[in-house]
N, C-alpha and C. Protein backbone atom coordinates (compact mmCIF):
# COMPACT_ATOMS: atom_id res chain seq x y z
N UNK A 1 0.81 -1.21 0.00
CA UNK A 1 0.00 0.00 0.00
C UNK A 1 0.85 1.26 0.00
N UNK A 2 2.01 1.23 0.70
CA UNK A 2 2.87 2.41 0.71
C UNK A 2 3.36 2.73 -0.70
N UNK A 3 3.68 1.70 -1.47
CA UNK A 3 4.11 1.91 -2.85
C UNK A 3 3.00 2.55 -3.67
N UNK A 4 1.78 2.04 -3.52
CA UNK A 4 0.65 2.58 -4.27
C UNK A 4 0.40 4.03 -3.89
N UNK A 5 0.50 4.34 -2.60
CA UNK A 5 0.31 5.72 -2.14
C UNK A 5 1.33 6.66 -2.77
N UNK A 6 2.58 6.22 -2.82
CA UNK A 6 3.63 7.06 -3.41
C UNK A 6 3.39 7.26 -4.90
N UNK A 7 2.95 6.19 -5.58
CA UNK A 7 2.70 6.31 -7.01
C UNK A 7 1.57 7.30 -7.29
N UNK A 8 0.49 7.21 -6.52
CA UNK A 8 -0.61 8.14 -6.72
C UNK A 8 -0.20 9.58 -6.40
N UNK A 9 0.61 9.74 -5.37
CA UNK A 9 1.07 11.08 -5.00
C UNK A 9 1.89 11.71 -6.13
N UNK A 10 2.65 10.90 -6.85
CA UNK A 10 3.52 11.42 -7.90
C UNK A 10 2.84 11.51 -9.25
N UNK A 11 1.98 10.52 -9.58
CA UNK A 11 1.49 10.42 -10.95
C UNK A 11 -0.03 10.52 -11.09
N UNK A 12 -0.77 10.46 -10.01
CA UNK A 12 -2.21 10.62 -10.09
C UNK A 12 -2.89 9.61 -11.00
N UNK A 13 -3.70 10.11 -11.94
CA UNK A 13 -4.49 9.23 -12.81
C UNK A 13 -3.61 8.37 -13.72
N UNK A 14 -2.37 8.78 -13.96
CA UNK A 14 -1.48 7.99 -14.80
C UNK A 14 -1.19 6.61 -14.20
N UNK A 15 -1.33 6.49 -12.88
CA UNK A 15 -1.16 5.18 -12.25
C UNK A 15 -2.17 4.19 -12.82
N UNK A 16 -3.36 4.68 -13.11
CA UNK A 16 -4.41 3.82 -13.65
C UNK A 16 -4.23 3.59 -15.15
N UNK A 17 -3.86 4.64 -15.87
CA UNK A 17 -3.72 4.53 -17.32
C UNK A 17 -2.51 3.69 -17.72
N UNK A 18 -1.47 3.72 -16.90
CA UNK A 18 -0.24 3.00 -17.23
C UNK A 18 -0.07 1.76 -16.36
N UNK A 19 -0.38 1.88 -15.06
CA UNK A 19 -0.16 0.78 -14.13
C UNK A 19 -1.07 -0.41 -14.37
N UNK A 20 -2.36 -0.16 -14.64
CA UNK A 20 -3.30 -1.27 -14.84
C UNK A 20 -2.97 -2.09 -16.10
N UNK A 21 -2.64 -1.45 -17.24
CA UNK A 21 -2.21 -2.28 -18.37
C UNK A 21 -0.99 -3.14 -18.04
N UNK A 22 -0.04 -2.59 -17.30
CA UNK A 22 1.15 -3.35 -16.94
C UNK A 22 0.79 -4.54 -16.06
N UNK A 23 -0.15 -4.33 -15.12
CA UNK A 23 -0.56 -5.43 -14.24
C UNK A 23 -1.27 -6.52 -15.03
N UNK A 24 -2.08 -6.12 -16.02
CA UNK A 24 -2.82 -7.09 -16.81
C UNK A 24 -1.94 -7.80 -17.83
N UNK A 25 -0.80 -7.21 -18.15
CA UNK A 25 0.18 -7.88 -19.00
C UNK A 25 0.98 -8.88 -18.17
N UNK A 26 0.73 -8.90 -16.86
CA UNK A 26 1.36 -9.84 -15.92
C UNK A 26 2.77 -9.42 -15.53
N UNK A 27 3.00 -8.11 -15.45
CA UNK A 27 4.28 -7.62 -14.93
C UNK A 27 4.19 -7.53 -13.41
N UNK A 28 5.31 -7.68 -12.70
CA UNK A 28 5.30 -7.69 -11.23
C UNK A 28 5.19 -6.30 -10.64
N UNK A 29 3.99 -5.75 -10.68
CA UNK A 29 3.72 -4.45 -10.07
C UNK A 29 2.55 -4.61 -9.10
N UNK A 30 2.24 -3.58 -8.29
CA UNK A 30 1.15 -3.72 -7.32
C UNK A 30 -0.14 -4.22 -7.96
N UNK A 31 -0.83 -5.15 -7.31
CA UNK A 31 -2.01 -5.78 -7.90
C UNK A 31 -3.14 -4.80 -8.16
N UNK A 32 -3.92 -5.09 -9.20
CA UNK A 32 -4.98 -4.20 -9.62
C UNK A 32 -6.09 -4.03 -8.61
N UNK A 33 -6.45 -5.09 -7.88
CA UNK A 33 -7.54 -4.99 -6.91
C UNK A 33 -7.28 -3.92 -5.87
N UNK A 34 -6.10 -3.96 -5.28
CA UNK A 34 -5.77 -2.97 -4.24
C UNK A 34 -5.62 -1.58 -4.83
N UNK A 35 -5.08 -1.48 -6.05
CA UNK A 35 -4.95 -0.18 -6.70
C UNK A 35 -6.31 0.44 -6.94
N UNK A 36 -7.25 -0.36 -7.41
CA UNK A 36 -8.60 0.15 -7.68
C UNK A 36 -9.31 0.55 -6.39
N UNK A 37 -9.20 -0.29 -5.37
CA UNK A 37 -9.87 0.02 -4.10
C UNK A 37 -9.30 1.31 -3.51
N UNK A 38 -8.00 1.48 -3.59
CA UNK A 38 -7.38 2.70 -3.07
C UNK A 38 -7.78 3.91 -3.90
N UNK A 39 -7.99 3.69 -5.19
CA UNK A 39 -8.50 4.77 -6.05
C UNK A 39 -9.85 5.24 -5.56
N UNK A 40 -10.71 4.27 -5.22
CA UNK A 40 -12.02 4.63 -4.69
C UNK A 40 -11.92 5.39 -3.39
N UNK A 41 -10.98 5.00 -2.53
CA UNK A 41 -10.79 5.69 -1.27
C UNK A 41 -10.31 7.13 -1.50
N UNK A 42 -9.41 7.31 -2.45
CA UNK A 42 -8.94 8.66 -2.76
C UNK A 42 -10.07 9.51 -3.33
N UNK A 43 -10.99 8.89 -4.05
CA UNK A 43 -12.16 9.62 -4.54
C UNK A 43 -13.08 9.99 -3.39
N UNK A 44 -13.21 9.08 -2.44
CA UNK A 44 -13.99 9.36 -1.22
C UNK A 44 -13.40 10.54 -0.46
N UNK A 45 -12.08 10.64 -0.45
CA UNK A 45 -11.39 11.74 0.26
C UNK A 45 -11.29 13.00 -0.60
N UNK A 46 -11.85 12.95 -1.80
CA UNK A 46 -11.81 14.08 -2.75
C UNK A 46 -10.40 14.42 -3.22
N UNK A 47 -9.50 13.45 -3.12
CA UNK A 47 -8.16 13.64 -3.69
C UNK A 47 -8.22 13.43 -5.20
N UNK A 48 -9.02 12.46 -5.63
CA UNK A 48 -9.30 12.22 -7.05
C UNK A 48 -10.78 12.43 -7.30
N UNK A 49 -11.13 12.80 -8.51
CA UNK A 49 -12.54 12.88 -8.89
C UNK A 49 -13.02 11.50 -9.33
N UNK A 50 -14.19 11.13 -8.90
CA UNK A 50 -14.67 9.76 -9.11
C UNK A 50 -14.80 9.40 -10.58
N UNK A 51 -15.50 10.23 -11.37
CA UNK A 51 -15.74 9.88 -12.76
C UNK A 51 -14.45 9.81 -13.59
N UNK A 52 -13.54 10.79 -13.47
CA UNK A 52 -12.26 10.64 -14.19
C UNK A 52 -11.47 9.42 -13.73
N UNK A 53 -11.56 9.10 -12.44
CA UNK A 53 -10.85 7.92 -11.93
C UNK A 53 -11.43 6.65 -12.55
N UNK A 54 -12.76 6.56 -12.62
CA UNK A 54 -13.40 5.40 -13.26
C UNK A 54 -13.01 5.31 -14.73
N UNK A 55 -13.02 6.45 -15.40
CA UNK A 55 -12.69 6.48 -16.83
C UNK A 55 -11.24 6.06 -17.06
N UNK A 56 -10.33 6.57 -16.23
CA UNK A 56 -8.91 6.23 -16.38
C UNK A 56 -8.67 4.75 -16.09
N UNK A 57 -9.33 4.23 -15.04
CA UNK A 57 -9.16 2.83 -14.68
C UNK A 57 -9.71 1.91 -15.76
N UNK A 58 -10.88 2.25 -16.28
CA UNK A 58 -11.47 1.42 -17.33
C UNK A 58 -10.63 1.46 -18.60
N UNK A 59 -10.18 2.67 -18.97
CA UNK A 59 -9.37 2.81 -20.18
C UNK A 59 -8.06 2.03 -20.05
N UNK A 60 -7.40 2.15 -18.89
CA UNK A 60 -6.16 1.43 -18.68
C UNK A 60 -6.35 -0.08 -18.73
N UNK A 61 -7.45 -0.56 -18.16
CA UNK A 61 -7.73 -2.00 -18.16
C UNK A 61 -8.01 -2.51 -19.57
N UNK A 62 -8.79 -1.73 -20.33
CA UNK A 62 -9.10 -2.13 -21.71
C UNK A 62 -7.83 -2.17 -22.55
N UNK A 63 -6.96 -1.19 -22.36
CA UNK A 63 -5.68 -1.19 -23.07
C UNK A 63 -4.90 -2.46 -22.75
N UNK A 64 -4.88 -2.84 -21.47
CA UNK A 64 -4.13 -4.01 -21.04
C UNK A 64 -4.66 -5.30 -21.63
N UNK A 65 -5.96 -5.53 -21.55
CA UNK A 65 -6.50 -6.80 -22.03
C UNK A 65 -6.52 -6.87 -23.55
N UNK A 66 -6.67 -5.73 -24.22
CA UNK A 66 -6.63 -5.73 -25.68
C UNK A 66 -5.22 -6.05 -26.17
N UNK A 67 -4.23 -5.48 -25.49
CA UNK A 67 -2.84 -5.76 -25.85
C UNK A 67 -2.51 -7.24 -25.69
N UNK A 68 -2.93 -7.81 -24.57
CA UNK A 68 -2.61 -9.23 -24.34
C UNK A 68 -3.39 -10.13 -25.29
N UNK A 69 -4.61 -9.74 -25.65
CA UNK A 69 -5.38 -10.52 -26.62
C UNK A 69 -4.67 -10.56 -27.98
N UNK A 70 -4.26 -9.39 -28.48
CA UNK A 70 -3.59 -9.34 -29.78
C UNK A 70 -2.23 -10.02 -29.72
N UNK A 71 -1.56 -9.92 -28.59
CA UNK A 71 -0.28 -10.61 -28.44
C UNK A 71 -0.50 -12.12 -28.53
N UNK A 72 -1.52 -12.62 -27.85
CA UNK A 72 -1.84 -14.04 -27.90
C UNK A 72 -2.24 -14.49 -29.29
N UNK A 73 -3.03 -13.66 -29.99
CA UNK A 73 -3.50 -14.04 -31.31
C UNK A 73 -2.36 -14.05 -32.33
N UNK A 74 -1.49 -13.05 -32.30
CA UNK A 74 -0.45 -12.92 -33.31
C UNK A 74 0.77 -13.80 -33.02
N UNK A 75 1.14 -13.94 -31.76
CA UNK A 75 2.39 -14.63 -31.43
C UNK A 75 2.19 -15.94 -30.68
N UNK A 76 0.98 -16.16 -30.15
CA UNK A 76 0.77 -17.33 -29.30
C UNK A 76 0.99 -18.65 -30.01
N UNK A 77 0.29 -18.85 -31.15
CA UNK A 77 0.40 -20.13 -31.85
C UNK A 77 1.79 -20.38 -32.43
N UNK A 78 2.44 -19.38 -33.04
CA UNK A 78 3.83 -19.62 -33.49
C UNK A 78 4.75 -20.06 -32.36
N UNK A 79 4.59 -19.46 -31.19
CA UNK A 79 5.42 -19.86 -30.05
C UNK A 79 5.09 -21.28 -29.59
N UNK A 80 3.79 -21.60 -29.59
CA UNK A 80 3.38 -22.94 -29.16
C UNK A 80 3.84 -23.99 -30.17
N UNK A 81 3.75 -23.67 -31.48
CA UNK A 81 4.22 -24.60 -32.50
C UNK A 81 5.71 -24.88 -32.33
N UNK A 82 6.45 -23.86 -31.90
CA UNK A 82 7.90 -24.00 -31.79
C UNK A 82 8.32 -24.62 -30.47
N UNK A 83 7.67 -24.18 -29.37
CA UNK A 83 8.12 -24.61 -28.05
C UNK A 83 7.07 -25.41 -27.28
N UNK A 84 5.89 -25.62 -27.90
CA UNK A 84 4.79 -26.27 -27.18
C UNK A 84 5.11 -27.65 -26.67
N UNK A 85 5.94 -28.39 -27.41
CA UNK A 85 6.25 -29.76 -26.98
C UNK A 85 6.99 -29.79 -25.65
N UNK A 86 7.72 -28.71 -25.36
CA UNK A 86 8.43 -28.64 -24.08
C UNK A 86 7.49 -28.34 -22.94
N UNK A 87 6.32 -27.76 -23.28
CA UNK A 87 5.33 -27.41 -22.25
C UNK A 87 4.12 -28.34 -22.29
N UNK A 88 4.23 -29.42 -23.10
CA UNK A 88 3.14 -30.40 -23.25
C UNK A 88 1.88 -29.75 -23.82
N UNK A 89 2.07 -28.76 -24.71
CA UNK A 89 0.95 -28.08 -25.35
C UNK A 89 0.89 -28.51 -26.81
N UNK A 90 0.19 -29.58 -27.09
CA UNK A 90 0.07 -30.07 -28.44
C UNK A 90 -1.14 -29.43 -29.12
N UNK A 91 -1.09 -29.25 -30.45
CA UNK A 91 -2.20 -28.63 -31.17
C UNK A 91 -3.54 -29.29 -30.90
N UNK A 92 -3.56 -30.65 -30.81
CA UNK A 92 -4.84 -31.34 -30.59
C UNK A 92 -5.44 -30.99 -29.23
N UNK A 93 -4.56 -30.75 -28.23
CA UNK A 93 -5.05 -30.35 -26.92
C UNK A 93 -5.65 -28.95 -26.97
N UNK A 94 -4.99 -28.07 -27.74
CA UNK A 94 -5.51 -26.71 -27.87
C UNK A 94 -6.86 -26.69 -28.59
N UNK A 95 -7.00 -27.58 -29.56
CA UNK A 95 -8.27 -27.65 -30.29
C UNK A 95 -9.40 -28.10 -29.36
N UNK A 96 -9.12 -29.10 -28.52
CA UNK A 96 -10.12 -29.54 -27.55
C UNK A 96 -10.44 -28.43 -26.55
N UNK A 97 -9.37 -27.71 -26.13
CA UNK A 97 -9.56 -26.61 -25.19
C UNK A 97 -10.40 -25.51 -25.82
N UNK A 98 -10.18 -25.25 -27.11
CA UNK A 98 -10.95 -24.22 -27.80
C UNK A 98 -12.43 -24.57 -27.82
N UNK A 99 -12.73 -25.85 -28.07
CA UNK A 99 -14.13 -26.29 -28.08
C UNK A 99 -14.77 -26.07 -26.71
N UNK A 100 -14.04 -26.44 -25.65
CA UNK A 100 -14.55 -26.25 -24.28
C UNK A 100 -14.67 -24.76 -23.96
N UNK A 101 -13.71 -23.97 -24.43
CA UNK A 101 -13.72 -22.53 -24.14
C UNK A 101 -14.89 -21.85 -24.83
N UNK A 102 -15.20 -22.29 -26.04
CA UNK A 102 -16.33 -21.70 -26.75
C UNK A 102 -17.63 -21.97 -26.02
N UNK A 103 -17.65 -23.06 -25.24
CA UNK A 103 -18.87 -23.41 -24.50
C UNK A 103 -18.94 -22.70 -23.16
N UNK A 104 -17.80 -22.59 -22.46
CA UNK A 104 -17.82 -22.04 -21.10
C UNK A 104 -16.97 -20.77 -20.94
N UNK A 105 -16.12 -20.48 -21.94
CA UNK A 105 -15.12 -19.44 -21.75
C UNK A 105 -15.66 -18.03 -21.61
N UNK A 106 -16.85 -17.77 -22.18
CA UNK A 106 -17.39 -16.42 -22.08
C UNK A 106 -17.60 -16.01 -20.62
N UNK A 107 -17.95 -16.98 -19.79
CA UNK A 107 -18.14 -16.69 -18.37
C UNK A 107 -16.80 -16.32 -17.72
N UNK A 108 -15.72 -16.98 -18.17
CA UNK A 108 -14.40 -16.65 -17.64
C UNK A 108 -13.98 -15.26 -18.06
N UNK A 109 -14.31 -14.88 -19.30
CA UNK A 109 -14.00 -13.52 -19.76
C UNK A 109 -14.80 -12.49 -18.97
N UNK A 110 -15.99 -12.86 -18.56
CA UNK A 110 -16.85 -11.92 -17.86
C UNK A 110 -16.48 -11.77 -16.39
N UNK A 111 -16.15 -12.89 -15.75
CA UNK A 111 -15.91 -12.86 -14.31
C UNK A 111 -14.47 -13.16 -13.90
N UNK A 112 -13.62 -13.51 -14.86
CA UNK A 112 -12.25 -13.88 -14.54
C UNK A 112 -11.41 -12.77 -13.96
N UNK A 113 -11.81 -11.51 -14.18
CA UNK A 113 -11.03 -10.39 -13.65
C UNK A 113 -11.00 -10.37 -12.12
N UNK A 114 -11.97 -10.98 -11.51
CA UNK A 114 -12.04 -10.96 -10.06
C UNK A 114 -11.09 -11.97 -9.41
N UNK A 115 -10.52 -12.86 -10.20
CA UNK A 115 -9.65 -13.91 -9.65
C UNK A 115 -8.20 -13.62 -9.98
N UNK A 116 -7.36 -13.42 -8.96
CA UNK A 116 -5.93 -13.17 -9.22
C UNK A 116 -5.29 -14.35 -9.92
N UNK A 117 -4.46 -14.05 -10.92
CA UNK A 117 -3.83 -15.10 -11.69
C UNK A 117 -4.64 -15.51 -12.91
N UNK A 118 -5.97 -15.33 -12.86
CA UNK A 118 -6.83 -15.63 -14.00
C UNK A 118 -6.89 -14.43 -14.93
N UNK A 119 -7.11 -13.24 -14.36
CA UNK A 119 -7.28 -12.07 -15.22
C UNK A 119 -6.02 -11.74 -16.02
N UNK A 120 -4.83 -12.10 -15.49
CA UNK A 120 -3.60 -11.78 -16.20
C UNK A 120 -3.40 -12.65 -17.44
N UNK A 121 -4.03 -13.84 -17.48
CA UNK A 121 -3.76 -14.76 -18.58
C UNK A 121 -5.00 -15.07 -19.42
N UNK A 122 -6.15 -14.64 -18.96
CA UNK A 122 -7.40 -14.90 -19.67
C UNK A 122 -7.37 -14.37 -21.10
N UNK A 123 -6.91 -13.14 -21.25
CA UNK A 123 -6.91 -12.50 -22.58
C UNK A 123 -5.85 -13.12 -23.48
N UNK A 124 -4.69 -13.43 -22.91
CA UNK A 124 -3.68 -14.13 -23.69
C UNK A 124 -4.27 -15.40 -24.31
N UNK A 125 -4.92 -16.17 -23.47
CA UNK A 125 -5.45 -17.46 -23.89
C UNK A 125 -6.55 -17.30 -24.92
N UNK A 126 -7.42 -16.29 -24.73
CA UNK A 126 -8.48 -16.04 -25.70
C UNK A 126 -7.90 -15.72 -27.07
N UNK A 127 -6.79 -14.99 -27.08
CA UNK A 127 -6.13 -14.68 -28.35
C UNK A 127 -5.47 -15.90 -28.96
N UNK A 128 -4.83 -16.71 -28.14
CA UNK A 128 -4.12 -17.90 -28.64
C UNK A 128 -5.07 -18.86 -29.34
N UNK A 129 -6.24 -19.08 -28.77
CA UNK A 129 -7.17 -20.04 -29.37
C UNK A 129 -8.14 -19.37 -30.35
N UNK A 130 -7.83 -18.11 -30.71
CA UNK A 130 -8.54 -17.41 -31.78
C UNK A 130 -10.02 -17.18 -31.50
N UNK A 131 -10.34 -16.81 -30.26
CA UNK A 131 -11.71 -16.38 -29.98
C UNK A 131 -11.98 -15.12 -30.79
N UNK A 132 -13.10 -15.04 -31.52
CA UNK A 132 -13.37 -13.85 -32.33
C UNK A 132 -13.29 -12.57 -31.50
N UNK A 133 -12.69 -11.54 -32.09
CA UNK A 133 -12.48 -10.30 -31.33
C UNK A 133 -13.79 -9.72 -30.81
N UNK A 134 -14.84 -9.78 -31.63
CA UNK A 134 -16.12 -9.21 -31.19
C UNK A 134 -16.65 -9.92 -29.93
N UNK A 135 -16.52 -11.24 -29.94
CA UNK A 135 -16.95 -12.01 -28.76
C UNK A 135 -16.08 -11.65 -27.56
N UNK A 136 -14.77 -11.61 -27.79
CA UNK A 136 -13.85 -11.23 -26.72
C UNK A 136 -14.19 -9.85 -26.16
N UNK A 137 -14.38 -8.88 -27.06
CA UNK A 137 -14.65 -7.51 -26.62
C UNK A 137 -15.96 -7.42 -25.84
N UNK A 138 -16.99 -8.11 -26.31
CA UNK A 138 -18.30 -8.04 -25.65
C UNK A 138 -18.20 -8.49 -24.19
N UNK A 139 -17.58 -9.64 -23.97
CA UNK A 139 -17.54 -10.20 -22.63
C UNK A 139 -16.39 -9.62 -21.79
N UNK A 140 -15.22 -9.47 -22.38
CA UNK A 140 -14.08 -9.00 -21.60
C UNK A 140 -14.22 -7.54 -21.22
N UNK A 141 -14.69 -6.71 -22.12
CA UNK A 141 -14.85 -5.29 -21.80
C UNK A 141 -15.96 -5.07 -20.78
N UNK A 142 -17.00 -5.90 -20.87
CA UNK A 142 -18.06 -5.83 -19.85
C UNK A 142 -17.54 -6.29 -18.51
N UNK A 143 -16.77 -7.40 -18.51
CA UNK A 143 -16.17 -7.88 -17.26
C UNK A 143 -15.22 -6.86 -16.65
N UNK A 144 -14.48 -6.16 -17.51
CA UNK A 144 -13.59 -5.11 -17.02
C UNK A 144 -14.37 -4.01 -16.31
N UNK A 145 -15.48 -3.61 -16.92
CA UNK A 145 -16.31 -2.56 -16.31
C UNK A 145 -16.83 -2.99 -14.94
N UNK A 146 -17.25 -4.26 -14.83
CA UNK A 146 -17.74 -4.76 -13.54
C UNK A 146 -16.61 -4.77 -12.50
N UNK A 147 -15.44 -5.23 -12.91
CA UNK A 147 -14.28 -5.31 -12.00
C UNK A 147 -13.87 -3.93 -11.51
N UNK A 148 -13.71 -3.01 -12.43
CA UNK A 148 -13.29 -1.65 -12.08
C UNK A 148 -14.32 -1.00 -11.16
N UNK A 149 -15.59 -1.12 -11.52
CA UNK A 149 -16.65 -0.47 -10.74
C UNK A 149 -16.74 -1.05 -9.33
N UNK A 150 -16.62 -2.37 -9.22
CA UNK A 150 -16.75 -3.00 -7.91
C UNK A 150 -15.64 -2.58 -6.96
N UNK A 151 -14.37 -2.64 -7.43
CA UNK A 151 -13.28 -2.37 -6.50
C UNK A 151 -13.10 -0.89 -6.23
N UNK A 152 -13.34 -0.04 -7.20
CA UNK A 152 -13.35 1.39 -6.90
C UNK A 152 -14.51 1.70 -5.97
N UNK A 153 -15.64 1.02 -6.18
CA UNK A 153 -16.79 1.22 -5.31
C UNK A 153 -16.52 0.85 -3.87
N UNK A 154 -15.70 -0.19 -3.64
CA UNK A 154 -15.35 -0.58 -2.27
C UNK A 154 -14.68 0.58 -1.53
N UNK A 155 -13.70 1.18 -2.17
CA UNK A 155 -13.00 2.29 -1.53
C UNK A 155 -13.87 3.51 -1.37
N UNK A 156 -14.73 3.76 -2.36
CA UNK A 156 -15.55 4.98 -2.33
C UNK A 156 -16.71 4.85 -1.35
N UNK A 157 -17.35 3.70 -1.35
CA UNK A 157 -18.55 3.52 -0.51
C UNK A 157 -18.19 3.33 0.96
N UNK A 158 -17.14 2.54 1.24
CA UNK A 158 -16.82 2.21 2.62
C UNK A 158 -15.81 3.18 3.26
N UNK A 159 -15.24 4.06 2.46
CA UNK A 159 -14.40 5.12 3.02
C UNK A 159 -13.28 4.62 3.90
N UNK A 160 -13.24 5.09 5.12
CA UNK A 160 -12.15 4.74 6.04
C UNK A 160 -12.12 3.26 6.42
N UNK A 161 -13.22 2.55 6.18
CA UNK A 161 -13.29 1.13 6.49
C UNK A 161 -12.98 0.25 5.27
N UNK A 162 -12.49 0.86 4.19
CA UNK A 162 -12.35 0.13 2.95
C UNK A 162 -11.36 -1.04 3.07
N UNK A 163 -10.30 -0.88 3.84
CA UNK A 163 -9.29 -1.94 3.92
C UNK A 163 -9.84 -3.20 4.58
N UNK A 164 -10.71 -3.02 5.57
CA UNK A 164 -11.33 -4.17 6.23
C UNK A 164 -12.21 -4.94 5.25
N UNK A 165 -13.06 -4.21 4.52
CA UNK A 165 -13.96 -4.83 3.54
C UNK A 165 -13.15 -5.46 2.41
N UNK A 166 -12.13 -4.75 1.96
CA UNK A 166 -11.28 -5.24 0.88
C UNK A 166 -10.60 -6.55 1.26
N UNK A 167 -10.06 -6.63 2.47
CA UNK A 167 -9.38 -7.84 2.93
C UNK A 167 -10.34 -9.01 2.98
N UNK A 168 -11.55 -8.77 3.45
CA UNK A 168 -12.55 -9.83 3.52
C UNK A 168 -12.90 -10.35 2.13
N UNK A 169 -13.09 -9.44 1.17
CA UNK A 169 -13.42 -9.83 -0.19
C UNK A 169 -12.26 -10.57 -0.85
N UNK A 170 -11.03 -10.12 -0.60
CA UNK A 170 -9.85 -10.78 -1.16
C UNK A 170 -9.76 -12.23 -0.67
N UNK A 171 -10.00 -12.46 0.61
CA UNK A 171 -9.98 -13.82 1.15
C UNK A 171 -11.06 -14.68 0.49
N UNK A 172 -12.23 -14.09 0.28
CA UNK A 172 -13.33 -14.81 -0.36
C UNK A 172 -12.97 -15.20 -1.79
N UNK A 173 -12.37 -14.27 -2.54
CA UNK A 173 -11.99 -14.55 -3.92
C UNK A 173 -10.88 -15.60 -4.00
N UNK A 174 -9.95 -15.55 -3.05
CA UNK A 174 -8.88 -16.56 -3.02
C UNK A 174 -9.46 -17.95 -2.74
N UNK A 175 -10.47 -18.00 -1.88
CA UNK A 175 -11.13 -19.27 -1.59
C UNK A 175 -11.78 -19.83 -2.84
N UNK A 176 -12.45 -18.97 -3.60
CA UNK A 176 -13.07 -19.39 -4.85
C UNK A 176 -12.02 -19.93 -5.82
N UNK A 177 -10.87 -19.22 -5.89
CA UNK A 177 -9.79 -19.65 -6.78
C UNK A 177 -9.25 -21.02 -6.38
N UNK A 178 -9.08 -21.23 -5.09
CA UNK A 178 -8.59 -22.53 -4.60
C UNK A 178 -9.57 -23.64 -4.95
N UNK A 179 -10.87 -23.38 -4.74
CA UNK A 179 -11.89 -24.38 -5.08
C UNK A 179 -11.88 -24.68 -6.57
N UNK A 180 -11.75 -23.62 -7.38
CA UNK A 180 -11.73 -23.80 -8.83
C UNK A 180 -10.53 -24.64 -9.25
N UNK A 181 -9.37 -24.36 -8.68
CA UNK A 181 -8.16 -25.14 -9.00
C UNK A 181 -8.33 -26.61 -8.61
N UNK A 182 -8.93 -26.84 -7.44
CA UNK A 182 -9.17 -28.22 -6.99
C UNK A 182 -10.10 -28.96 -7.93
N UNK A 183 -11.13 -28.28 -8.42
CA UNK A 183 -12.08 -28.90 -9.35
C UNK A 183 -11.38 -29.26 -10.65
N UNK A 184 -10.52 -28.35 -11.14
CA UNK A 184 -9.79 -28.61 -12.39
C UNK A 184 -8.85 -29.80 -12.23
N UNK A 185 -8.11 -29.83 -11.11
CA UNK A 185 -7.20 -30.94 -10.86
C UNK A 185 -7.96 -32.25 -10.77
N UNK A 186 -9.09 -32.24 -10.06
CA UNK A 186 -9.92 -33.45 -9.94
C UNK A 186 -10.42 -33.91 -11.30
N UNK A 187 -10.82 -32.96 -12.12
CA UNK A 187 -11.31 -33.28 -13.47
C UNK A 187 -10.24 -34.00 -14.28
N UNK A 188 -9.02 -33.47 -14.26
CA UNK A 188 -7.95 -34.09 -15.04
C UNK A 188 -7.53 -35.43 -14.45
N UNK A 189 -7.58 -35.57 -13.12
CA UNK A 189 -7.26 -36.85 -12.51
C UNK A 189 -8.27 -37.93 -12.91
N UNK A 190 -9.55 -37.57 -12.91
CA UNK A 190 -10.58 -38.51 -13.31
C UNK A 190 -10.45 -38.88 -14.79
N UNK A 191 -10.13 -37.86 -15.59
CA UNK A 191 -9.96 -38.10 -17.02
C UNK A 191 -8.77 -39.02 -17.27
N UNK A 192 -7.68 -38.78 -16.55
CA UNK A 192 -6.49 -39.62 -16.69
C UNK A 192 -6.78 -41.05 -16.22
N UNK A 193 -7.55 -41.21 -15.14
CA UNK A 193 -7.89 -42.54 -14.63
C UNK A 193 -8.73 -43.32 -15.63
N UNK A 194 -9.71 -42.62 -16.24
CA UNK A 194 -10.55 -43.28 -17.24
C UNK A 194 -9.73 -43.70 -18.46
N UNK A 195 -8.80 -42.84 -18.87
CA UNK A 195 -7.95 -43.18 -20.01
C UNK A 195 -7.06 -44.37 -19.68
N UNK A 196 -6.56 -44.38 -18.45
CA UNK A 196 -5.70 -45.49 -18.02
C UNK A 196 -6.48 -46.79 -17.99
N UNK A 197 -7.74 -46.74 -17.52
CA UNK A 197 -8.57 -47.95 -17.48
C UNK A 197 -8.86 -48.47 -18.88
N UNK A 198 -9.16 -47.55 -19.82
CA UNK A 198 -9.43 -47.98 -21.18
C UNK A 198 -8.20 -48.63 -21.80
N UNK A 199 -7.03 -48.02 -21.54
CA UNK A 199 -5.79 -48.57 -22.06
C UNK A 199 -5.53 -49.96 -21.49
N UNK A 200 -5.80 -50.15 -20.19
CA UNK A 200 -5.60 -51.44 -19.54
C UNK A 200 -6.54 -52.50 -20.11
N UNK A 201 -7.80 -52.08 -20.34
CA UNK A 201 -8.78 -53.02 -20.91
C UNK A 201 -8.39 -53.47 -22.31
N UNK A 202 -7.84 -52.53 -23.11
CA UNK A 202 -7.42 -52.87 -24.45
C UNK A 202 -6.29 -53.89 -24.43
N UNK A 203 -5.31 -53.67 -23.53
CA UNK A 203 -4.18 -54.59 -23.42
C UNK A 203 -4.63 -55.96 -22.93
N UNK A 204 -5.61 -55.99 -22.01
CA UNK A 204 -6.11 -57.26 -21.50
C UNK A 204 -6.84 -58.02 -22.62
N UNK A 205 -7.56 -57.24 -23.45
CA UNK A 205 -8.27 -57.88 -24.56
C UNK A 205 -7.32 -58.47 -25.57
N UNK A 206 -6.22 -57.77 -25.84
CA UNK A 206 -5.22 -58.26 -26.79
C UNK A 206 -4.52 -59.51 -26.24
N UNK A 207 -4.35 -59.52 -24.89
CA UNK A 207 -3.69 -60.69 -24.28
C UNK A 207 -4.63 -61.91 -24.37
């Protein structure tokens, strides 16, 4: 928080226009949730104006996710074709993932901004698997607006108590992320077990 305070004292709205794109590109800078909540608090204290702060935060976030989307679309597949085998990313796996993403991915674009670690890579991945830009923009830009409004709203609405509310919400979101990761791991374990059983049955039949 001390770092964020110093940045706002020196650069004001530029922290949102420049800092949020950098955070969404996955650079190691102060996290967006706390930056947005503190922005709301500064608006509550009349240090920043609320509407320009919302506009700067939304613009910075859109710049960030659009950049990562185009980076994923233009450079993602060439990099995967060249180095994917080292990361166990085969084209057939990406094709299956694309099919699943087309079915469920819009929800991730809409709500993924609230989960740390998801929002930084969501747009990259949407670009890599060639999600149409219009679809990406519809859901991702709407999700950005919800994310920006919610966390700036925490600081603005709760004022001096914003850090308490923010900490509680952060713990809740981390819990959701942990549950989501556990579900994904369980899904792949079950899938691997079923594949192993089928392979075993085939070998037994051949024997």
